Amino acid sequence: MKKDSLSAMEYALVEAQAAAERNSVPVGAVITLGDTIIARAGNEVWKNNDPTAHAEILAIRRACTYLKTHMLTECDLYVTLEPCAMCAQAISLARIRRLYFGAYDVKYGAIVHNARVFSHSLHKPEYIGGVLETQCAKILQQFFQKRRFCEKIPEVWL
């Protein structure tokens, strides 16, 4: 699918919103090859009862299937939140060329915070943080704020 007037990060935000609507943590990811979006995903951890179903992992799986390879050396990944250690290692193993992320994650992020996975990895993708940071942070803040003020905790959170 060719990108139109929306940027790849804006498409990732659409995926994050879709994740929020299915009551999952609103993180979205898009993988591009040149000007073409080849994979997109939002978090599906709770939907699939799968702790590895982060948006980045799902997008990487879909891109690898689409390209019929495990190496995404010419691909760029756009994700709305700084990846965790699991996702950062998967990004490195997939040989993603460049990572763009939106909001920084001081607690679980592993690119510029905490583990800084790329500094210990064989493949060190280029990365740029803070892309549409305000919009990416806002969707997360709204999601968690709604849950804090709920009178009844949804079963999925127990």
N, C-alpha and C. Protein backbone atom coordinates (compact mmCIF):
# COMPACT_ATOMS: atom_id res chain seq x y z
N MET A 1 0.84 -1.17 0.00
CA MET A 1 0.00 0.00 0.00
C MET A 1 0.89 1.24 0.00
N LYS A 2 0.70 2.11 -0.95
CA LYS A 2 1.45 3.36 -1.02
C LYS A 2 0.97 4.32 0.06
N LYS A 3 1.92 5.04 0.66
CA LYS A 3 1.54 6.07 1.62
C LYS A 3 0.88 7.20 0.85
N ASP A 4 -0.20 7.77 1.41
CA ASP A 4 -0.80 8.93 0.77
C ASP A 4 -0.37 10.16 1.57
N SER A 5 -1.29 11.05 1.85
CA SER A 5 -0.92 12.29 2.52
C SER A 5 -0.57 12.10 4.00
N LEU A 6 -0.91 10.97 4.58
CA LEU A 6 -0.54 10.71 5.97
C LEU A 6 0.90 10.22 6.05
N SER A 7 1.59 10.63 7.10
CA SER A 7 2.94 10.11 7.32
C SER A 7 2.85 8.70 7.90
N ALA A 8 3.93 7.96 7.84
CA ALA A 8 3.95 6.61 8.39
C ALA A 8 3.64 6.63 9.89
N MET A 9 4.11 7.63 10.61
CA MET A 9 3.82 7.70 12.05
C MET A 9 2.33 7.97 12.27
N GLU A 10 1.70 8.73 11.41
CA GLU A 10 0.27 8.94 11.54
C GLU A 10 -0.50 7.64 11.32
N TYR A 11 -0.02 6.80 10.41
CA TYR A 11 -0.63 5.48 10.24
C TYR A 11 -0.42 4.63 11.50
N ALA A 12 0.75 4.76 12.12
CA ALA A 12 1.00 4.04 13.37
C ALA A 12 0.04 4.52 14.46
N LEU A 13 -0.27 5.81 14.47
CA LEU A 13 -1.24 6.33 15.43
C LEU A 13 -2.64 5.77 15.18
N VAL A 14 -3.00 5.56 13.92
CA VAL A 14 -4.28 4.93 13.59
C VAL A 14 -4.32 3.52 14.17
N GLU A 15 -3.21 2.79 14.05
CA GLU A 15 -3.13 1.44 14.62
C GLU A 15 -3.21 1.47 16.14
N ALA A 16 -2.58 2.48 16.75
CA ALA A 16 -2.65 2.62 18.21
C ALA A 16 -4.08 2.88 18.66
N GLN A 17 -4.79 3.73 17.93
CA GLN A 17 -6.19 4.01 18.26
C GLN A 17 -7.04 2.74 18.14
N ALA A 18 -6.79 1.96 17.11
CA ALA A 18 -7.53 0.70 16.94
C ALA A 18 -7.25 -0.24 18.11
N ALA A 19 -6.01 -0.27 18.59
CA ALA A 19 -5.68 -1.10 19.76
C ALA A 19 -6.45 -0.62 20.98
N ALA A 20 -6.53 0.68 21.18
CA ALA A 20 -7.26 1.24 22.32
C ALA A 20 -8.73 0.85 22.24
N GLU A 21 -9.29 0.87 21.05
CA GLU A 21 -10.70 0.54 20.88
C GLU A 21 -11.00 -0.93 21.18
N ARG A 22 -9.99 -1.78 21.10
CA ARG A 22 -10.21 -3.18 21.48
C ARG A 22 -9.66 -3.44 22.89
N ASN A 23 -9.49 -2.34 23.64
CA ASN A 23 -9.08 -2.38 25.04
C ASN A 23 -7.67 -2.91 25.24
N SER A 24 -6.79 -2.65 24.29
CA SER A 24 -5.37 -3.00 24.42
C SER A 24 -4.56 -1.72 24.57
N VAL A 25 -3.41 -1.83 25.16
CA VAL A 25 -2.54 -0.66 25.31
C VAL A 25 -2.30 -0.07 23.92
N PRO A 26 -2.57 1.21 23.74
CA PRO A 26 -2.55 1.82 22.41
C PRO A 26 -1.14 2.12 21.88
N VAL A 27 -0.53 1.10 21.35
CA VAL A 27 0.74 1.25 20.65
C VAL A 27 0.53 0.73 19.24
N GLY A 28 1.00 1.49 18.26
CA GLY A 28 0.86 1.09 16.87
C GLY A 28 2.21 1.10 16.18
N ALA A 29 2.34 0.27 15.16
CA ALA A 29 3.60 0.16 14.42
C ALA A 29 3.31 0.01 12.93
N VAL A 30 4.20 0.58 12.13
CA VAL A 30 4.12 0.50 10.67
C VAL A 30 5.52 0.23 10.15
N ILE A 31 5.64 -0.65 9.17
CA ILE A 31 6.93 -0.90 8.52
C ILE A 31 6.81 -0.49 7.06
N THR A 32 7.80 0.28 6.62
CA THR A 32 7.82 0.74 5.24
C THR A 32 9.03 0.18 4.50
N LEU A 33 8.84 0.02 3.21
CA LEU A 33 9.93 -0.31 2.28
C LEU A 33 9.86 0.78 1.23
N GLY A 34 10.78 1.70 1.28
CA GLY A 34 10.69 2.88 0.42
C GLY A 34 9.46 3.67 0.80
N ASP A 35 8.62 3.98 -0.18
CA ASP A 35 7.39 4.73 0.07
C ASP A 35 6.17 3.86 0.28
N THR A 36 6.39 2.57 0.47
CA THR A 36 5.27 1.63 0.58
C THR A 36 5.18 1.05 1.98
N ILE A 37 3.99 1.10 2.54
CA ILE A 37 3.74 0.44 3.83
C ILE A 37 3.54 -1.04 3.54
N ILE A 38 4.39 -1.87 4.13
CA ILE A 38 4.28 -3.32 3.89
C ILE A 38 3.68 -4.07 5.07
N ALA A 39 3.61 -3.41 6.24
CA ALA A 39 3.02 -4.07 7.42
C ALA A 39 2.58 -3.01 8.40
N ARG A 40 1.52 -3.32 9.12
CA ARG A 40 1.03 -2.43 10.17
C ARG A 40 0.36 -3.28 11.24
N ALA A 41 0.44 -2.80 12.47
CA ALA A 41 -0.15 -3.56 13.58
C ALA A 41 -0.33 -2.67 14.79
N GLY A 42 -1.25 -3.06 15.63
CA GLY A 42 -1.42 -2.47 16.96
C GLY A 42 -1.26 -3.58 17.98
N ASN A 43 -1.05 -3.20 19.22
CA ASN A 43 -0.91 -4.21 20.27
C ASN A 43 -2.09 -5.17 20.28
N GLU A 44 -1.80 -6.44 20.46
CA GLU A 44 -2.84 -7.47 20.56
C GLU A 44 -2.57 -8.41 21.73
N VAL A 45 -1.83 -7.94 22.72
CA VAL A 45 -1.45 -8.78 23.86
C VAL A 45 -2.68 -9.37 24.53
N TRP A 46 -3.62 -8.54 24.91
CA TRP A 46 -4.79 -9.03 25.63
C TRP A 46 -5.75 -9.73 24.70
N LYS A 47 -5.88 -9.25 23.49
CA LYS A 47 -6.78 -9.87 22.51
C LYS A 47 -6.37 -11.32 22.25
N ASN A 48 -5.06 -11.56 22.12
CA ASN A 48 -4.55 -12.89 21.77
C ASN A 48 -4.07 -13.69 22.98
N ASN A 49 -4.14 -13.11 24.17
CA ASN A 49 -3.56 -13.75 25.35
C ASN A 49 -2.12 -14.18 25.07
N ASP A 50 -1.36 -13.24 24.50
CA ASP A 50 0.01 -13.51 24.06
C ASP A 50 0.91 -12.35 24.48
N PRO A 51 1.79 -12.56 25.46
CA PRO A 51 2.63 -11.47 25.94
C PRO A 51 3.63 -10.97 24.90
N THR A 52 3.82 -11.69 23.81
CA THR A 52 4.73 -11.23 22.76
C THR A 52 4.01 -10.48 21.64
N ALA A 53 2.71 -10.30 21.74
CA ALA A 53 1.94 -9.68 20.66
C ALA A 53 1.99 -8.15 20.73
N HIS A 54 3.19 -7.62 20.90
CA HIS A 54 3.38 -6.18 20.85
C HIS A 54 3.29 -5.73 19.39
N ALA A 55 2.94 -4.48 19.19
CA ALA A 55 2.75 -3.95 17.83
C ALA A 55 4.00 -4.16 16.97
N GLU A 56 5.18 -3.92 17.53
CA GLU A 56 6.42 -4.06 16.77
C GLU A 56 6.64 -5.50 16.31
N ILE A 57 6.42 -6.44 17.21
CA ILE A 57 6.62 -7.86 16.90
C ILE A 57 5.65 -8.29 15.80
N LEU A 58 4.39 -7.91 15.94
CA LEU A 58 3.39 -8.28 14.94
C LEU A 58 3.72 -7.67 13.58
N ALA A 59 4.14 -6.41 13.58
CA ALA A 59 4.49 -5.75 12.31
C ALA A 59 5.71 -6.43 11.68
N ILE A 60 6.70 -6.78 12.48
CA ILE A 60 7.89 -7.47 11.95
C ILE A 60 7.49 -8.82 11.35
N ARG A 61 6.66 -9.57 12.05
CA ARG A 61 6.20 -10.87 11.52
C ARG A 61 5.49 -10.70 10.18
N ARG A 62 4.62 -9.70 10.12
CA ARG A 62 3.85 -9.47 8.88
C ARG A 62 4.76 -9.01 7.74
N ALA A 63 5.73 -8.16 8.04
CA ALA A 63 6.66 -7.70 7.00
C ALA A 63 7.53 -8.85 6.50
N CYS A 64 7.98 -9.70 7.40
CA CYS A 64 8.79 -10.85 7.00
C CYS A 64 7.97 -11.81 6.13
N THR A 65 6.73 -12.02 6.48
CA THR A 65 5.85 -12.87 5.67
C THR A 65 5.64 -12.24 4.29
N TYR A 66 5.39 -10.95 4.27
CA TYR A 66 5.15 -10.25 3.00
C TYR A 66 6.38 -10.33 2.08
N LEU A 67 7.57 -10.13 2.65
CA LEU A 67 8.80 -10.14 1.85
C LEU A 67 9.42 -11.53 1.72
N LYS A 68 8.87 -12.50 2.44
CA LYS A 68 9.38 -13.88 2.42
C LYS A 68 10.87 -13.94 2.80
N THR A 69 11.19 -13.25 3.89
CA THR A 69 12.56 -13.22 4.41
C THR A 69 12.53 -12.87 5.90
N HIS A 70 13.60 -13.17 6.60
CA HIS A 70 13.70 -12.78 8.00
C HIS A 70 14.57 -11.54 8.17
N MET A 71 15.08 -11.01 7.07
CA MET A 71 15.94 -9.82 7.11
C MET A 71 15.21 -8.64 6.47
N LEU A 72 15.01 -7.60 7.24
CA LEU A 72 14.30 -6.41 6.77
C LEU A 72 15.28 -5.25 6.62
N THR A 73 16.38 -5.51 5.94
CA THR A 73 17.50 -4.57 5.88
C THR A 73 17.20 -3.25 5.18
N GLU A 74 16.21 -3.21 4.34
CA GLU A 74 15.86 -1.98 3.63
C GLU A 74 14.60 -1.33 4.19
N CYS A 75 14.15 -1.83 5.34
CA CYS A 75 12.87 -1.38 5.91
C CYS A 75 13.06 -0.44 7.09
N ASP A 76 12.08 0.42 7.25
CA ASP A 76 12.03 1.34 8.39
C ASP A 76 10.80 1.02 9.22
N LEU A 77 10.95 1.13 10.53
CA LEU A 77 9.85 0.85 11.47
C LEU A 77 9.47 2.15 12.17
N TYR A 78 8.18 2.42 12.19
CA TYR A 78 7.61 3.57 12.89
C TYR A 78 6.73 3.02 14.00
N VAL A 79 6.98 3.42 15.23
CA VAL A 79 6.20 2.91 16.36
C VAL A 79 5.91 4.08 17.30
N THR A 80 4.73 4.07 17.89
CA THR A 80 4.28 5.21 18.67
C THR A 80 4.91 5.33 20.05
N LEU A 81 5.60 4.30 20.52
CA LEU A 81 6.22 4.31 21.84
C LEU A 81 7.61 3.68 21.76
N GLU A 82 8.54 4.23 22.51
CA GLU A 82 9.89 3.67 22.57
C GLU A 82 9.80 2.17 22.87
N PRO A 83 10.39 1.33 22.03
CA PRO A 83 10.27 -0.12 22.21
C PRO A 83 10.87 -0.64 23.51
N CYS A 84 10.26 -1.70 24.02
CA CYS A 84 10.77 -2.40 25.20
C CYS A 84 11.98 -3.25 24.79
N ALA A 85 12.60 -3.92 25.74
CA ALA A 85 13.78 -4.74 25.46
C ALA A 85 13.48 -5.88 24.49
N MET A 86 12.33 -6.54 24.65
CA MET A 86 11.97 -7.64 23.74
C MET A 86 11.87 -7.13 22.31
N CYS A 87 11.15 -6.04 22.13
CA CYS A 87 10.94 -5.50 20.79
C CYS A 87 12.24 -4.93 20.21
N ALA A 88 13.03 -4.29 21.04
CA ALA A 88 14.31 -3.74 20.57
C ALA A 88 15.21 -4.86 20.04
N GLN A 89 15.26 -5.97 20.74
CA GLN A 89 16.08 -7.09 20.27
C GLN A 89 15.52 -7.66 18.98
N ALA A 90 14.20 -7.77 18.87
CA ALA A 90 13.59 -8.26 17.63
C ALA A 90 13.89 -7.32 16.46
N ILE A 91 13.88 -6.02 16.72
CA ILE A 91 14.21 -5.03 15.69
C ILE A 91 15.64 -5.24 15.21
N SER A 92 16.53 -5.47 16.14
CA SER A 92 17.93 -5.71 15.79
C SER A 92 18.08 -7.02 15.01
N LEU A 93 17.44 -8.09 15.50
CA LEU A 93 17.55 -9.39 14.83
C LEU A 93 16.97 -9.36 13.42
N ALA A 94 15.92 -8.55 13.21
CA ALA A 94 15.31 -8.43 11.89
C ALA A 94 16.12 -7.52 10.96
N ARG A 95 17.13 -6.90 11.52
CA ARG A 95 18.02 -6.00 10.76
C ARG A 95 17.27 -4.80 10.17
N ILE A 96 16.28 -4.31 10.93
CA ILE A 96 15.56 -3.10 10.52
C ILE A 96 16.60 -1.99 10.29
N ARG A 97 16.43 -1.27 9.19
CA ARG A 97 17.39 -0.23 8.84
C ARG A 97 17.31 0.96 9.79
N ARG A 98 16.08 1.44 10.02
CA ARG A 98 15.91 2.65 10.80
C ARG A 98 14.63 2.55 11.62
N LEU A 99 14.71 3.01 12.86
CA LEU A 99 13.58 3.02 13.78
C LEU A 99 13.21 4.46 14.09
N TYR A 100 11.92 4.77 13.95
CA TYR A 100 11.38 6.05 14.36
C TYR A 100 10.36 5.75 15.46
N PHE A 101 10.47 6.41 16.61
CA PHE A 101 9.46 6.19 17.63
C PHE A 101 8.95 7.53 18.14
N GLY A 102 7.74 7.48 18.68
CA GLY A 102 7.06 8.69 19.13
C GLY A 102 7.40 9.04 20.56
N ALA A 103 6.60 8.56 21.49
CA ALA A 103 6.78 8.89 22.91
C ALA A 103 7.94 8.10 23.51
N TYR A 104 8.63 8.76 24.41
CA TYR A 104 9.70 8.10 25.17
C TYR A 104 9.06 7.34 26.32
N ASP A 105 9.67 6.21 26.70
CA ASP A 105 9.15 5.38 27.79
C ASP A 105 10.23 5.19 28.83
N VAL A 106 10.20 6.06 29.84
CA VAL A 106 11.24 6.04 30.88
C VAL A 106 11.21 4.75 31.68
N LYS A 107 10.03 4.17 31.85
CA LYS A 107 9.89 2.97 32.68
C LYS A 107 10.30 1.68 31.97
N TYR A 108 9.82 1.48 30.72
CA TYR A 108 10.07 0.22 30.03
C TYR A 108 10.85 0.36 28.72
N GLY A 109 11.06 1.56 28.26
CA GLY A 109 11.78 1.76 27.01
C GLY A 109 13.20 1.21 27.09
N ALA A 110 13.68 0.70 25.97
CA ALA A 110 15.01 0.06 25.98
C ALA A 110 15.90 0.54 24.83
N ILE A 111 15.56 1.70 24.26
CA ILE A 111 16.40 2.26 23.20
C ILE A 111 17.30 3.35 23.81
N VAL A 112 16.69 4.39 24.39
CA VAL A 112 17.46 5.45 25.03
C VAL A 112 17.39 5.37 26.55
N HIS A 113 16.53 4.51 27.07
CA HIS A 113 16.39 4.33 28.51
C HIS A 113 16.74 2.88 28.87
N ASN A 114 16.99 2.66 30.15
CA ASN A 114 17.17 1.33 30.73
C ASN A 114 18.21 0.48 30.02
N ALA A 115 17.82 -0.62 29.39
CA ALA A 115 18.77 -1.59 28.83
C ALA A 115 19.57 -1.07 27.65
N ARG A 116 19.05 -0.10 26.92
CA ARG A 116 19.72 0.43 25.72
C ARG A 116 20.23 -0.71 24.85
N VAL A 117 19.30 -1.53 24.43
CA VAL A 117 19.59 -2.79 23.74
C VAL A 117 20.51 -2.63 22.54
N PHE A 118 20.32 -1.59 21.75
CA PHE A 118 21.13 -1.45 20.54
C PHE A 118 22.62 -1.29 20.85
N SER A 119 22.95 -0.78 22.01
CA SER A 119 24.37 -0.62 22.34
C SER A 119 25.04 -1.97 22.61
N HIS A 120 24.23 -3.03 22.79
CA HIS A 120 24.75 -4.37 23.06
C HIS A 120 24.46 -5.35 21.92
N SER A 121 23.90 -4.86 20.83
CA SER A 121 23.46 -5.74 19.74
C SER A 121 24.46 -5.76 18.61
N LEU A 122 24.44 -6.86 17.87
CA LEU A 122 25.27 -6.97 16.69
C LEU A 122 24.85 -5.95 15.63
N HIS A 123 23.53 -5.89 15.35
CA HIS A 123 23.00 -4.90 14.40
C HIS A 123 22.46 -3.72 15.19
N LYS A 124 22.92 -2.53 14.87
CA LYS A 124 22.52 -1.32 15.55
C LYS A 124 21.79 -0.40 14.57
N PRO A 125 20.47 -0.50 14.53
CA PRO A 125 19.72 0.36 13.61
C PRO A 125 19.87 1.83 13.98
N GLU A 126 19.77 2.69 13.00
CA GLU A 126 19.65 4.11 13.29
C GLU A 126 18.31 4.29 13.99
N TYR A 127 18.21 5.29 14.85
CA TYR A 127 16.92 5.55 15.47
C TYR A 127 16.73 7.05 15.70
N ILE A 128 15.47 7.44 15.65
CA ILE A 128 15.08 8.83 15.90
C ILE A 128 13.87 8.77 16.81
N GLY A 129 13.97 9.37 17.97
CA GLY A 129 12.87 9.41 18.92
C GLY A 129 12.17 10.74 18.91
N GLY A 130 10.97 10.76 19.46
CA GLY A 130 10.21 12.00 19.59
C GLY A 130 9.42 12.41 18.35
N VAL A 131 9.21 11.48 17.41
CA VAL A 131 8.46 11.78 16.20
C VAL A 131 6.97 11.84 16.55
N LEU A 132 6.34 12.97 16.34
CA LEU A 132 4.94 13.20 16.74
C LEU A 132 4.75 12.81 18.22
N GLU A 133 5.74 13.16 19.01
CA GLU A 133 5.77 12.74 20.42
C GLU A 133 4.51 13.14 21.19
N THR A 134 4.05 14.36 21.00
CA THR A 134 2.89 14.84 21.75
C THR A 134 1.66 14.00 21.45
N GLN A 135 1.39 13.73 20.17
CA GLN A 135 0.23 12.93 19.80
C GLN A 135 0.36 11.49 20.30
N CYS A 136 1.56 10.94 20.20
CA CYS A 136 1.78 9.56 20.64
C CYS A 136 1.62 9.43 22.15
N ALA A 137 2.13 10.40 22.90
CA ALA A 137 2.00 10.37 24.36
C ALA A 137 0.54 10.59 24.77
N LYS A 138 -0.15 11.46 24.05
CA LYS A 138 -1.54 11.79 24.41
C LYS A 138 -2.46 10.58 24.35
N ILE A 139 -2.33 9.77 23.33
CA ILE A 139 -3.21 8.60 23.21
C ILE A 139 -2.97 7.62 24.36
N LEU A 140 -1.74 7.47 24.79
CA LEU A 140 -1.42 6.61 25.93
C LEU A 140 -1.97 7.21 27.23
N GLN A 141 -1.74 8.50 27.42
CA GLN A 141 -2.21 9.17 28.64
C GLN A 141 -3.73 9.07 28.76
N GLN A 142 -4.45 9.30 27.66
CA GLN A 142 -5.91 9.22 27.69
C GLN A 142 -6.39 7.81 28.00
N PHE A 143 -5.72 6.83 27.42
CA PHE A 143 -6.08 5.43 27.64
C PHE A 143 -5.97 5.06 29.12
N PHE A 144 -4.82 5.39 29.72
CA PHE A 144 -4.61 5.01 31.12
C PHE A 144 -5.41 5.90 32.08
N GLN A 145 -5.63 7.14 31.71
CA GLN A 145 -6.44 8.02 32.54
C GLN A 145 -7.87 7.49 32.64
N LYS A 146 -8.43 7.03 31.55
CA LYS A 146 -9.78 6.46 31.56
C LYS A 146 -9.85 5.26 32.49
N ARG A 147 -8.82 4.44 32.51
CA ARG A 147 -8.82 3.25 33.33
C ARG A 147 -8.67 3.57 34.82
N ARG A 148 -7.92 4.62 35.13
CA ARG A 148 -7.75 4.99 36.53
C ARG A 148 -9.04 5.49 37.16
N PHE A 149 -9.90 6.10 36.35
CA PHE A 149 -11.12 6.68 36.89
C PHE A 149 -12.34 5.78 36.70
N CYS A 150 -12.13 4.57 36.22
CA CYS A 150 -13.24 3.62 36.09
C CYS A 150 -13.67 3.18 37.48
N GLU A 151 -14.97 3.12 37.71
CA GLU A 151 -15.45 2.61 38.99
C GLU A 151 -15.30 1.11 39.07
N LYS A 152 -15.52 0.44 37.96
CA LYS A 152 -15.41 -1.02 37.92
C LYS A 152 -14.21 -1.38 37.03
N ILE A 153 -13.34 -2.22 37.53
CA ILE A 153 -12.17 -2.64 36.76
C ILE A 153 -12.61 -3.72 35.78
N PRO A 154 -12.37 -3.52 34.48
CA PRO A 154 -12.75 -4.56 33.51
C PRO A 154 -12.04 -5.87 33.81
N GLU A 155 -12.73 -6.99 33.52
CA GLU A 155 -12.15 -8.30 33.78
C GLU A 155 -10.78 -8.47 33.14
N VAL A 156 -10.59 -7.88 31.98
CA VAL A 156 -9.34 -8.06 31.27
C VAL A 156 -8.15 -7.51 32.06
N TRP A 157 -8.41 -6.57 32.99
CA TRP A 157 -7.33 -5.97 33.78
C TRP A 157 -7.02 -6.77 35.04
N LEU A 158 -7.85 -7.77 35.35
CA LEU A 158 -7.63 -8.53 36.59
C LEU A 158 -6.65 -9.66 36.39
